[in-house]
Amino acid sequence: MDGKSKNPNPFERLEATFFSRPTLEVARALLGVRLVRRSGRHQLAGRIVEVEAYIGEEDLACHASRGRTPRAQGLYREPGVYYVYMIYGMYWCLNVVTEESDFPAAVLIRALEPIAGQAEMKKRRRAARTDIDLCNGPGKLCQAMDVDSRFHGQSIEEGTLWLEQDSGASSESMDGVVSCPRVGVDYAGECARYPWRYYLASSECVSKRDRLAESERSAR
């Protein structure tokens, strides 16, 4: 023994600079990163296994496609800020703004693999039959992790919701990543076909698998 104590927490909290680069690069890099929420006496955490990228006013699937509207204003903030919005009048979705101020782009966190606080998550996600169902969708993970509009506009470097990665581990290999079109954006015309959704092929917690993309990936 050299007398040196080991770091009890090998995870490093991400800084805003992590997001100040091309959105597609950020999206891939987020796979395998942990999303952590401190809620009262509980700490909830999940490994990110699926994301989607939204980039610029030309992307018809992006909220900024209609310009700098009140709803889309948060997308024009500085990188590393949460962009939280509601869908279907009942489900929150968590995004993190990317690139640079005044350029609207973000990554949507679509699914998590629960790794801590599952019992507390189940209290909020009573409809979940298994741990796999707890966070396998953007609305589900926000419900399970107690994430809502309170975090909209907040920096990832502040507060009780943060992202962290293992300081001793390398980023997820692209060999295990599926790239495919985004979900639920058929209205976006040609943009709906952009392969800007990424997920870990090995995870059971992906919200919706793209069998065609997986087949093409396996054939390479």
Foldseek 3Di string as FASTA:
>chain_A
DPPDDDDPDQKDFDAQVLQQDDQLVSQQQQQQKKKWFDDPPFIWIFGQFKKFKDFALLQLLQPCVVHCDPLQVLQQAAFQAWRWDDPPVDFIWIWTHHHGHRTGMIMTRFFTQTDGDQVQLCVQVVVDPDSLRQTQGRRSVCSSRVHHPVRHGPGLVDDRITIIHRPPDDGDDCLQKFFFFDPPRVVRPPSRGHRRMIGGNPDSNHNDDDVVSVVVSVVD
